[in-house]
All heavy atoms as atom14 arrays in JSON, in Angstrom:
{
  "sequence": "AKIGARIGADVPFFIYEYDSANVTGIGEVVEEFKEEPLNIEVFTPK",
  "atom14_mask": [
    [1, 1, 1, 1, 1, 0, 0, 0, 0, 0, 0, 0, 0, 0],
    [1, 1, 1, 1, 1, 1, 1, 1, 1, 0, 0, 0, 0, 0],
    [1, 1, 1, 1, 1, 1, 1, 1, 0, 0, 0, 0, 0, 0],
    [1, 1, 1, 1, 0, 0, 0, 0, 0, 0, 0, 0, 0, 0],
    [1, 1, 1, 1, 1, 0, 0, 0, 0, 0, 0, 0, 0, 0],
    [1, 1, 1, 1, 1, 1, 1, 1, 1, 1, 1, 0, 0, 0],
    [1, 1, 1, 1, 1, 1, 1, 1, 0, 0, 0, 0, 0, 0],
    [1, 1, 1, 1, 0, 0, 0, 0, 0, 0, 0, 0, 0, 0],
    [1, 1, 1, 1, 1, 0, 0, 0, 0, 0, 0, 0, 0, 0],
    [1, 1, 1, 1, 1, 1, 1, 1, 0, 0, 0, 0, 0, 0],
    [1, 1, 1, 1, 1, 1, 1, 0, 0, 0, 0, 0, 0, 0],
    [1, 1, 1, 1, 1, 1, 1, 0, 0, 0, 0, 0, 0, 0],
    [1, 1, 1, 1, 1, 1, 1, 1, 1, 1, 1, 0, 0, 0],
    [1, 1, 1, 1, 1, 1, 1, 1, 1, 1, 1, 0, 0, 0],
    [1, 1, 1, 1, 1, 1, 1, 1, 0, 0, 0, 0, 0, 0],
    [1, 1, 1, 1, 1, 1, 1, 1, 1, 1, 1, 1, 0, 0],
    [1, 1, 1, 1, 1, 1, 1, 1, 1, 0, 0, 0, 0, 0],
    [1, 1, 1, 1, 1, 1, 1, 1, 1, 1, 1, 1, 0, 0],
    [1, 1, 1, 1, 1, 1, 1, 1, 0, 0, 0, 0, 0, 0],
    [1, 1, 1, 1, 1, 1, 0, 0, 0, 0, 0, 0, 0, 0],
    [1, 1, 1, 1, 1, 0, 0, 0, 0, 0, 0, 0, 0, 0],
    [1, 1, 1, 1, 1, 1, 1, 1, 0, 0, 0, 0, 0, 0],
    [1, 1, 1, 1, 1, 1, 1, 0, 0, 0, 0, 0, 0, 0],
    [1, 1, 1, 1, 1, 1, 1, 0, 0, 0, 0, 0, 0, 0],
    [1, 1, 1, 1, 0, 0, 0, 0, 0, 0, 0, 0, 0, 0],
    [1, 1, 1, 1, 1, 1, 1, 1, 0, 0, 0, 0, 0, 0],
    [1, 1, 1, 1, 0, 0, 0, 0, 0, 0, 0, 0, 0, 0],
    [1, 1, 1, 1, 1, 1, 1, 1, 1, 0, 0, 0, 0, 0],
    [1, 1, 1, 1, 1, 1, 1, 0, 0, 0, 0, 0, 0, 0],
    [1, 1, 1, 1, 1, 1, 1, 0, 0, 0, 0, 0, 0, 0],
    [1, 1, 1, 1, 1, 1, 1, 1, 1, 0, 0, 0, 0, 0],
    [1, 1, 1, 1, 1, 1, 1, 1, 1, 0, 0, 0, 0, 0],
    [1, 1, 1, 1, 1, 1, 1, 1, 1, 1, 1, 0, 0, 0],
    [1, 1, 1, 1, 1, 1, 1, 1, 1, 0, 0, 0, 0, 0],
    [1, 1, 1, 1, 1, 1, 1, 1, 1, 0, 0, 0, 0, 0],
    [1, 1, 1, 1, 1, 1, 1, 1, 1, 0, 0, 0, 0, 0],
    [1, 1, 1, 1, 1, 1, 1, 0, 0, 0, 0, 0, 0, 0],
    [1, 1, 1, 1, 1, 1, 1, 1, 0, 0, 0, 0, 0, 0],
    [1, 1, 1, 1, 1, 1, 1, 1, 0, 0, 0, 0, 0, 0],
    [1, 1, 1, 1, 1, 1, 1, 1, 0, 0, 0, 0, 0, 0],
    [1, 1, 1, 1, 1, 1, 1, 1, 1, 0, 0, 0, 0, 0],
    [1, 1, 1, 1, 1, 1, 1, 0, 0, 0, 0, 0, 0, 0],
    [1, 1, 1, 1, 1, 1, 1, 1, 1, 1, 1, 0, 0, 0],
    [1, 1, 1, 1, 1, 1, 1, 0, 0, 0, 0, 0, 0, 0],
    [1, 1, 1, 1, 1, 1, 1, 0, 0, 0, 0, 0, 0, 0],
    [1, 1, 1, 1, 1, 1, 1, 1, 1, 0, 0, 0, 0, 0]
  ],
  "atom14_positions": [
    [[50.29, -129.7, 31.05], [51.66, -129.59, 30.56], [52.67, -129.94, 31.65], [53.7, -130.56, 31.37], [51.92, -128.19, 30.03], [0.0, 0.0, 0.0], [0.0, 0.0, 0.0], [0.0, 0.0, 0.0], [0.0, 0.0, 0.0], [0.0, 0.0, 0.0], [0.0, 0.0, 0.0], [0.0, 0.0, 0.0], [0.0, 0.0, 0.0], [0.0, 0.0, 0.0]],
    [[52.38, -129.56, 32.89], [53.28, -129.9, 34.0], [53.3, -131.41, 34.23], [54.35, -132.0, 34.52], [52.86, -129.17, 35.27], [53.2, -127.68, 35.24], [52.76, -126.98, 36.52], [53.11, -125.49, 36.46], [52.63, -124.76, 37.65], [0.0, 0.0, 0.0], [0.0, 0.0, 0.0], [0.0, 0.0, 0.0], [0.0, 0.0, 0.0], [0.0, 0.0, 0.0]],
    [[52.14, -132.04, 34.1], [52.08, -133.5, 34.2], [52.87, -134.12, 33.05], [53.67, -135.03, 33.24], [50.61, -133.99, 34.18], [49.85, -133.48, 35.42], [50.55, -135.51, 34.11], [48.35, -133.75, 35.38], [0.0, 0.0, 0.0], [0.0, 0.0, 0.0], [0.0, 0.0, 0.0], [0.0, 0.0, 0.0], [0.0, 0.0, 0.0], [0.0, 0.0, 0.0]],
    [[52.66, -133.58, 31.86], [53.33, -134.1, 30.68], [54.84, -133.95, 30.73], [55.57, -134.82, 30.24], [0.0, 0.0, 0.0], [0.0, 0.0, 0.0], [0.0, 0.0, 0.0], [0.0, 0.0, 0.0], [0.0, 0.0, 0.0], [0.0, 0.0, 0.0], [0.0, 0.0, 0.0], [0.0, 0.0, 0.0], [0.0, 0.0, 0.0], [0.0, 0.0, 0.0]],
    [[55.32, -132.87, 31.32], [56.77, -132.63, 31.38], [57.49, -133.7, 32.18], [58.69, -133.93, 31.97], [57.04, -131.25, 31.98], [0.0, 0.0, 0.0], [0.0, 0.0, 0.0], [0.0, 0.0, 0.0], [0.0, 0.0, 0.0], [0.0, 0.0, 0.0], [0.0, 0.0, 0.0], [0.0, 0.0, 0.0], [0.0, 0.0, 0.0], [0.0, 0.0, 0.0]],
    [[56.77, -134.37, 33.07], [57.39, -135.45, 33.85], [57.53, -136.73, 33.02], [58.22, -137.67, 33.43], [56.57, -135.72, 35.12], [56.63, -134.57, 36.12], [56.2, -135.01, 37.5], [54.76, -135.18, 37.59], [53.91, -134.2, 37.89], [54.35, -132.98, 38.12], [52.63, -134.43, 37.97], [0.0, 0.0, 0.0], [0.0, 0.0, 0.0], [0.0, 0.0, 0.0]],
    [[56.88, -136.77, 31.88], [56.96, -137.93, 30.99], [58.04, -137.73, 29.94], [58.8, -138.64, 29.64], [55.59, -138.16, 30.31], [54.52, -138.38, 31.38], [55.65, -139.36, 29.36], [53.12, -138.06, 30.92], [0.0, 0.0, 0.0], [0.0, 0.0, 0.0], [0.0, 0.0, 0.0], [0.0, 0.0, 0.0], [0.0, 0.0, 0.0], [0.0, 0.0, 0.0]],
    [[58.12, -136.52, 29.38], [59.12, -136.24, 28.36], [59.2, -134.76, 28.07], [58.21, -134.03, 28.22], [0.0, 0.0, 0.0], [0.0, 0.0, 0.0], [0.0, 0.0, 0.0], [0.0, 0.0, 0.0], [0.0, 0.0, 0.0], [0.0, 0.0, 0.0], [0.0, 0.0, 0.0], [0.0, 0.0, 0.0], [0.0, 0.0, 0.0], [0.0, 0.0, 0.0]],
    [[60.37, -134.3, 27.64], [60.61, -132.88, 27.45], [59.74, -132.26, 26.36], [59.41, -131.08, 26.42], [62.09, -132.64, 27.13], [0.0, 0.0, 0.0], [0.0, 0.0, 0.0], [0.0, 0.0, 0.0], [0.0, 0.0, 0.0], [0.0, 0.0, 0.0], [0.0, 0.0, 0.0], [0.0, 0.0, 0.0], [0.0, 0.0, 0.0], [0.0, 0.0, 0.0]],
    [[59.37, -133.05, 25.34], [58.58, -132.52, 24.22], [57.07, -132.58, 24.47], [56.3, -132.01, 23.69], [58.89, -133.28, 22.92], [60.29, -133.02, 22.41], [60.97, -132.12, 22.94], [60.72, -133.74, 21.48], [0.0, 0.0, 0.0], [0.0, 0.0, 0.0], [0.0, 0.0, 0.0], [0.0, 0.0, 0.0], [0.0, 0.0, 0.0], [0.0, 0.0, 0.0]],
    [[56.65, -133.25, 25.52], [55.22, -133.47, 25.74], [54.43, -132.16, 25.89], [53.35, -132.0, 25.32], [54.97, -134.41, 26.93], [53.47, -134.57, 27.2], [55.6, -135.78, 26.66], [0.0, 0.0, 0.0], [0.0, 0.0, 0.0], [0.0, 0.0, 0.0], [0.0, 0.0, 0.0], [0.0, 0.0, 0.0], [0.0, 0.0, 0.0], [0.0, 0.0, 0.0]],
    [[54.95, -131.16, 26.66], [54.17, -129.92, 26.81], [53.77, -129.27, 25.49], [52.65, -128.77, 25.35], [55.1, -129.03, 27.63], [55.89, -129.99, 28.47], [56.12, -131.16, 27.55], [0.0, 0.0, 0.0], [0.0, 0.0, 0.0], [0.0, 0.0, 0.0], [0.0, 0.0, 0.0], [0.0, 0.0, 0.0], [0.0, 0.0, 0.0], [0.0, 0.0, 0.0]],
    [[54.68, -129.26, 24.5], [54.33, -128.66, 23.2], [53.05, -129.28, 22.65], [52.15, -128.59, 22.16], [55.47, -128.83, 22.19], [55.04, -128.58, 20.77], [54.8, -127.3, 20.32], [54.84, -129.65, 19.89], [54.38, -127.07, 19.01], [54.43, -129.43, 18.59], [54.2, -128.13, 18.14], [0.0, 0.0, 0.0], [0.0, 0.0, 0.0], [0.0, 0.0, 0.0]],
    [[52.97, -130.6, 22.69], [51.8, -131.28, 22.13], [50.55, -131.07, 22.99], [49.43, -131.08, 22.46], [52.1, -132.77, 21.98], [53.14, -133.08, 20.95], [54.43, -133.45, 21.32], [52.85, -133.0, 19.59], [55.4, -133.74, 20.37], [53.81, -133.29, 18.64], [55.09, -133.66, 19.03], [0.0, 0.0, 0.0], [0.0, 0.0, 0.0], [0.0, 0.0, 0.0]],
    [[50.73, -130.88, 24.28], [49.58, -130.6, 25.16], [48.88, -129.32, 24.72], [47.65, -129.24, 24.67], [50.05, -130.45, 26.62], [50.56, -131.78, 27.18], [48.93, -129.87, 27.5], [49.5, -132.77, 27.59], [0.0, 0.0, 0.0], [0.0, 0.0, 0.0], [0.0, 0.0, 0.0], [0.0, 0.0, 0.0], [0.0, 0.0, 0.0], [0.0, 0.0, 0.0]],
    [[49.67, -128.29, 24.39], [49.08, -126.99, 24.06], [48.39, -126.98, 22.7], [47.59, -126.08, 22.42], [50.16, -125.9, 24.12], [50.55, -125.55, 25.55], [51.78, -125.95, 26.06], [49.69, -124.84, 26.37], [52.14, -125.63, 27.37], [50.04, -124.52, 27.67], [51.27, -124.92, 28.17], [51.61, -124.61, 29.46], [0.0, 0.0, 0.0], [0.0, 0.0, 0.0]],
    [[48.72, -127.94, 21.84], [48.06, -128.1, 20.54], [48.24, -126.88, 19.62], [47.37, -126.58, 18.8], [46.57, -128.42, 20.72], [46.32, -129.73, 21.49], [44.85, -130.08, 21.62], [44.16, -129.45, 22.46], [44.4, -130.96, 20.88], [0.0, 0.0, 0.0], [0.0, 0.0, 0.0], [0.0, 0.0, 0.0], [0.0, 0.0, 0.0], [0.0, 0.0, 0.0]],
    [[49.36, -126.2, 19.76], [49.67, -125.09, 18.86], [50.16, -125.65, 17.52], [50.84, -126.66, 17.47], [50.77, -124.2, 19.44], [50.42, -123.5, 20.73], [51.37, -123.36, 21.74], [49.15, -122.96, 20.94], [51.08, -122.7, 22.92], [48.85, -122.3, 22.13], [49.81, -122.17, 23.11], [49.52, -121.53, 24.29], [0.0, 0.0, 0.0], [0.0, 0.0, 0.0]],
    [[49.85, -124.93, 16.44], [50.39, -125.31, 15.14], [51.88, -124.99, 15.07], [52.65, -125.71, 14.44], [49.66, -124.59, 14.01], [48.28, -125.17, 13.75], [48.05, -126.35, 14.11], [47.42, -124.45, 13.21], [0.0, 0.0, 0.0], [0.0, 0.0, 0.0], [0.0, 0.0, 0.0], [0.0, 0.0, 0.0], [0.0, 0.0, 0.0], [0.0, 0.0, 0.0]],
    [[52.27, -123.89, 15.71], [53.66, -123.45, 15.68], [53.98, -122.8, 17.03], [53.16, -122.04, 17.57], [53.87, -122.45, 14.55], [55.21, -122.0, 14.5], [0.0, 0.0, 0.0], [0.0, 0.0, 0.0], [0.0, 0.0, 0.0], [0.0, 0.0, 0.0], [0.0, 0.0, 0.0], [0.0, 0.0, 0.0], [0.0, 0.0, 0.0], [0.0, 0.0, 0.0]],
    [[55.16, -123.12, 17.58], [55.5, -122.56, 18.89], [57.01, -122.46, 19.04], [57.77, -123.27, 18.51], [54.93, -123.43, 20.01], [0.0, 0.0, 0.0], [0.0, 0.0, 0.0], [0.0, 0.0, 0.0], [0.0, 0.0, 0.0], [0.0, 0.0, 0.0], [0.0, 0.0, 0.0], [0.0, 0.0, 0.0], [0.0, 0.0, 0.0], [0.0, 0.0, 0.0]],
    [[57.44, -121.46, 19.79], [58.83, -121.35, 20.23], [58.97, -122.16, 21.52], [58.2, -121.97, 22.46], [59.21, -119.9, 20.48], [59.35, -119.11, 19.19], [59.66, -119.68, 18.15], [59.11, -117.8, 19.26], [0.0, 0.0, 0.0], [0.0, 0.0, 0.0], [0.0, 0.0, 0.0], [0.0, 0.0, 0.0], [0.0, 0.0, 0.0], [0.0, 0.0, 0.0]],
    [[59.94, -123.05, 21.53], [60.13, -123.95, 22.67], [61.53, -123.73, 23.23], [62.52, -123.84, 22.51], [59.93, -125.42, 22.25], [60.15, -126.36, 23.44], [58.53, -125.62, 21.67], [0.0, 0.0, 0.0], [0.0, 0.0, 0.0], [0.0, 0.0, 0.0], [0.0, 0.0, 0.0], [0.0, 0.0, 0.0], [0.0, 0.0, 0.0], [0.0, 0.0, 0.0]],
    [[61.6, -123.42, 24.52], [62.88, -123.16, 25.18], [62.95, -123.89, 26.5], [62.09, -124.7, 26.82], [63.08, -121.64, 25.37], [61.96, -121.1, 26.09], [63.19, -120.91, 24.03], [0.0, 0.0, 0.0], [0.0, 0.0, 0.0], [0.0, 0.0, 0.0], [0.0, 0.0, 0.0], [0.0, 0.0, 0.0], [0.0, 0.0, 0.0], [0.0, 0.0, 0.0]],
    [[64.0, -123.56, 27.3], [64.26, -124.33, 28.52], [64.68, -125.73, 28.12], [65.42, -125.92, 27.16], [0.0, 0.0, 0.0], [0.0, 0.0, 0.0], [0.0, 0.0, 0.0], [0.0, 0.0, 0.0], [0.0, 0.0, 0.0], [0.0, 0.0, 0.0], [0.0, 0.0, 0.0], [0.0, 0.0, 0.0], [0.0, 0.0, 0.0], [0.0, 0.0, 0.0]],
    [[64.2, -126.73, 28.83], [64.46, -128.11, 28.43], [63.25, -128.68, 27.68], [63.08, -129.88, 27.55], [64.84, -129.01, 29.63], [63.74, -129.01, 30.7], [66.17, -128.57, 30.23], [63.97, -130.02, 31.82], [0.0, 0.0, 0.0], [0.0, 0.0, 0.0], [0.0, 0.0, 0.0], [0.0, 0.0, 0.0], [0.0, 0.0, 0.0], [0.0, 0.0, 0.0]],
    [[62.42, -127.76, 27.22], [61.22, -128.13, 26.47], [59.94, -127.73, 27.16], [58.86, -127.82, 26.58], [0.0, 0.0, 0.0], [0.0, 0.0, 0.0], [0.0, 0.0, 0.0], [0.0, 0.0, 0.0], [0.0, 0.0, 0.0], [0.0, 0.0, 0.0], [0.0, 0.0, 0.0], [0.0, 0.0, 0.0], [0.0, 0.0, 0.0], [0.0, 0.0, 0.0]],
    [[60.07, -127.25, 28.42], [58.87, -126.96, 29.21], [58.3, -125.57, 28.95], [57.16, -125.28, 29.32], [59.17, -127.14, 30.71], [59.84, -125.98, 31.41], [61.35, -125.87, 31.16], [61.87, -126.53, 30.24], [61.99, -125.11, 31.9], [0.0, 0.0, 0.0], [0.0, 0.0, 0.0], [0.0, 0.0, 0.0], [0.0, 0.0, 0.0], [0.0, 0.0, 0.0]],
    [[59.08, -124.68, 28.32], [58.6, -123.33, 28.03], [58.09, -123.3, 26.59], [58.87, -123.39, 25.64], [59.72, -122.28, 28.23], [59.16, -120.88, 27.97], [60.32, -122.39, 29.63], [0.0, 0.0, 0.0], [0.0, 0.0, 0.0], [0.0, 0.0, 0.0], [0.0, 0.0, 0.0], [0.0, 0.0, 0.0], [0.0, 0.0, 0.0], [0.0, 0.0, 0.0]],
    [[56.79, -123.18, 26.44], [56.15, -123.27, 25.12], [55.33, -121.99, 24.89], [54.41, -121.69, 25.65], [55.22, -124.5, 25.04], [54.56, -124.58, 23.66], [55.98, -125.78, 25.35], [0.0, 0.0, 0.0], [0.0, 0.0, 0.0], [0.0, 0.0, 0.0], [0.0, 0.0, 0.0], [0.0, 0.0, 0.0], [0.0, 0.0, 0.0], [0.0, 0.0, 0.0]],
    [[55.7, -121.25, 23.85], [55.0, -120.01, 23.54], [54.51, -120.06, 22.1], [55.3, -120.25, 21.17], [55.94, -118.81, 23.73], [56.43, -118.66, 25.16], [57.48, -117.56, 25.31], [58.48, -117.63, 24.57], [57.3, -116.67, 26.15], [0.0, 0.0, 0.0], [0.0, 0.0, 0.0], [0.0, 0.0, 0.0], [0.0, 0.0, 0.0], [0.0, 0.0, 0.0]],
    [[53.22, -119.88, 21.91], [52.66, -119.94, 20.57], [53.3, -118.91, 19.66], [53.54, -117.76, 20.05], [51.14, -119.72, 20.61], [50.48, -119.87, 19.24], [48.98, -119.74, 19.28], [48.44, -119.23, 20.29], [48.33, -120.15, 18.3], [0.0, 0.0, 0.0], [0.0, 0.0, 0.0], [0.0, 0.0, 0.0], [0.0, 0.0, 0.0], [0.0, 0.0, 0.0]],
    [[53.6, -119.33, 18.43], [54.13, -118.42, 17.42], [53.1, -118.31, 16.31], [52.77, -119.3, 15.66], [55.47, -118.92, 16.86], [56.13, -117.93, 15.94], [56.89, -116.89, 16.44], [55.97, -118.03, 14.56], [57.49, -115.96, 15.59], [56.56, -117.11, 13.7], [57.32, -116.07, 14.22], [0.0, 0.0, 0.0], [0.0, 0.0, 0.0], [0.0, 0.0, 0.0]],
    [[52.58, -117.11, 16.12], [51.53, -116.91, 15.12], [52.13, -116.78, 13.74], [52.93, -115.88, 13.48], [50.74, -115.63, 15.46], [50.01, -115.67, 16.8], [48.73, -116.47, 16.72], [47.89, -116.27, 17.98], [46.62, -117.05, 17.91], [0.0, 0.0, 0.0], [0.0, 0.0, 0.0], [0.0, 0.0, 0.0], [0.0, 0.0, 0.0], [0.0, 0.0, 0.0]],
    [[51.79, -117.69, 12.86], [52.22, -117.62, 11.47], [51.26, -118.45, 10.63], [50.46, -119.23, 11.15], [53.65, -118.11, 11.31], [53.9, -119.56, 11.69], [55.36, -119.97, 11.52], [56.1, -119.31, 10.77], [55.76, -120.97, 12.14], [0.0, 0.0, 0.0], [0.0, 0.0, 0.0], [0.0, 0.0, 0.0], [0.0, 0.0, 0.0], [0.0, 0.0, 0.0]],
    [[51.36, -118.29, 9.32], [50.52, -119.07, 8.41], [50.83, -120.56, 8.57], [52.0, -120.94, 8.71], [50.78, -118.66, 6.97], [50.28, -117.26, 6.62], [48.77, -117.16, 6.69], [48.08, -118.07, 6.2], [48.27, -116.17, 7.26], [0.0, 0.0, 0.0], [0.0, 0.0, 0.0], [0.0, 0.0, 0.0], [0.0, 0.0, 0.0], [0.0, 0.0, 0.0]],
    [[49.81, -121.42, 8.58], [50.06, -122.86, 8.67], [50.97, -123.32, 7.53], [50.83, -122.86, 6.4], [48.66, -123.47, 8.54], [47.73, -122.38, 8.98], [48.37, -121.1, 8.54], [0.0, 0.0, 0.0], [0.0, 0.0, 0.0], [0.0, 0.0, 0.0], [0.0, 0.0, 0.0], [0.0, 0.0, 0.0], [0.0, 0.0, 0.0], [0.0, 0.0, 0.0]],
    [[51.88, -124.21, 7.85], [52.85, -124.7, 6.87], [52.44, -126.08, 6.36], [51.99, -126.92, 7.13], [54.24, -124.77, 7.49], [54.81, -123.47, 8.05], [56.19, -123.72, 8.66], [54.91, -122.4, 6.97], [0.0, 0.0, 0.0], [0.0, 0.0, 0.0], [0.0, 0.0, 0.0], [0.0, 0.0, 0.0], [0.0, 0.0, 0.0], [0.0, 0.0, 0.0]],
    [[52.62, -126.27, 5.06], [52.4, -127.58, 4.46], [53.76, -128.28, 4.39], [54.64, -127.87, 3.61], [51.79, -127.42, 3.06], [51.4, -128.75, 2.46], [51.37, -129.78, 3.15], [51.11, -128.76, 1.17], [0.0, 0.0, 0.0], [0.0, 0.0, 0.0], [0.0, 0.0, 0.0], [0.0, 0.0, 0.0], [0.0, 0.0, 0.0], [0.0, 0.0, 0.0]],
    [[53.94, -129.3, 5.2], [55.26, -129.92, 5.39], [55.27, -131.34, 4.85], [54.36, -132.13, 5.13], [55.63, -129.91, 6.88], [55.82, -128.46, 7.36], [56.91, -130.71, 7.14], [55.97, -128.32, 8.85], [0.0, 0.0, 0.0], [0.0, 0.0, 0.0], [0.0, 0.0, 0.0], [0.0, 0.0, 0.0], [0.0, 0.0, 0.0], [0.0, 0.0, 0.0]],
    [[56.3, -131.64, 4.1], [56.54, -133.01, 3.64], [57.67, -133.61, 4.46], [58.7, -132.96, 4.67], [56.9, -133.03, 2.15], [57.13, -134.44, 1.61], [57.49, -134.45, 0.13], [57.29, -133.42, -0.55], [57.97, -135.49, -0.36], [0.0, 0.0, 0.0], [0.0, 0.0, 0.0], [0.0, 0.0, 0.0], [0.0, 0.0, 0.0], [0.0, 0.0, 0.0]],
    [[57.48, -134.84, 4.9], [58.47, -135.51, 5.76], [58.95, -136.78, 5.08], [58.15, -137.52, 4.48], [57.87, -135.86, 7.14], [58.84, -136.68, 7.97], [57.49, -134.6, 7.89], [0.0, 0.0, 0.0], [0.0, 0.0, 0.0], [0.0, 0.0, 0.0], [0.0, 0.0, 0.0], [0.0, 0.0, 0.0], [0.0, 0.0, 0.0], [0.0, 0.0, 0.0]],
    [[60.25, -137.03, 5.17], [60.8, -138.29, 4.69], [61.65, -138.9, 5.8], [62.51, -138.23, 6.37], [61.67, -138.11, 3.45], [62.36, -139.38, 3.03], [61.66, -140.4, 2.41], [63.71, -139.57, 3.32], [62.29, -141.58, 2.06], [64.34, -140.75, 2.96], [63.63, -141.76, 2.33], [0.0, 0.0, 0.0], [0.0, 0.0, 0.0], [0.0, 0.0, 0.0]],
    [[61.4, -140.19, 6.12], [62.15, -140.89, 7.16], [62.79, -142.14, 6.58], [62.08, -143.05, 6.15], [61.23, -141.29, 8.33], [60.55, -140.14, 8.82], [62.03, -141.92, 9.46], [0.0, 0.0, 0.0], [0.0, 0.0, 0.0], [0.0, 0.0, 0.0], [0.0, 0.0, 0.0], [0.0, 0.0, 0.0], [0.0, 0.0, 0.0], [0.0, 0.0, 0.0]],
    [[64.13, -142.2, 6.55], [64.79, -143.43, 6.08], [64.43, -144.61, 6.98], [64.65, -144.56, 8.19], [66.28, -143.09, 6.18], [66.35, -141.61, 6.28], [65.09, -141.17, 6.94], [0.0, 0.0, 0.0], [0.0, 0.0, 0.0], [0.0, 0.0, 0.0], [0.0, 0.0, 0.0], [0.0, 0.0, 0.0], [0.0, 0.0, 0.0], [0.0, 0.0, 0.0]],
    [[63.88, -145.66, 6.41], [63.41, -146.78, 7.22], [64.53, -147.54, 7.91], [64.35, -148.11, 8.98], [62.6, -147.74, 6.34], [61.26, -147.18, 5.89], [60.48, -148.21, 5.1], [59.12, -147.65, 4.68], [58.32, -148.63, 3.9], [0.0, 0.0, 0.0], [0.0, 0.0, 0.0], [0.0, 0.0, 0.0], [0.0, 0.0, 0.0], [0.0, 0.0, 0.0]]
  ]
}
């Protein structure tokens, strides 16, 4: 995660591979949040 933080602020979250996490600081503080997995639909305007 420390290596990843030098690449981008959001990288540490993905390093930890949590399904859900509270993210603070500039993105480097990642704490797992225990909850039921969410089924999420995403739409991106092309």
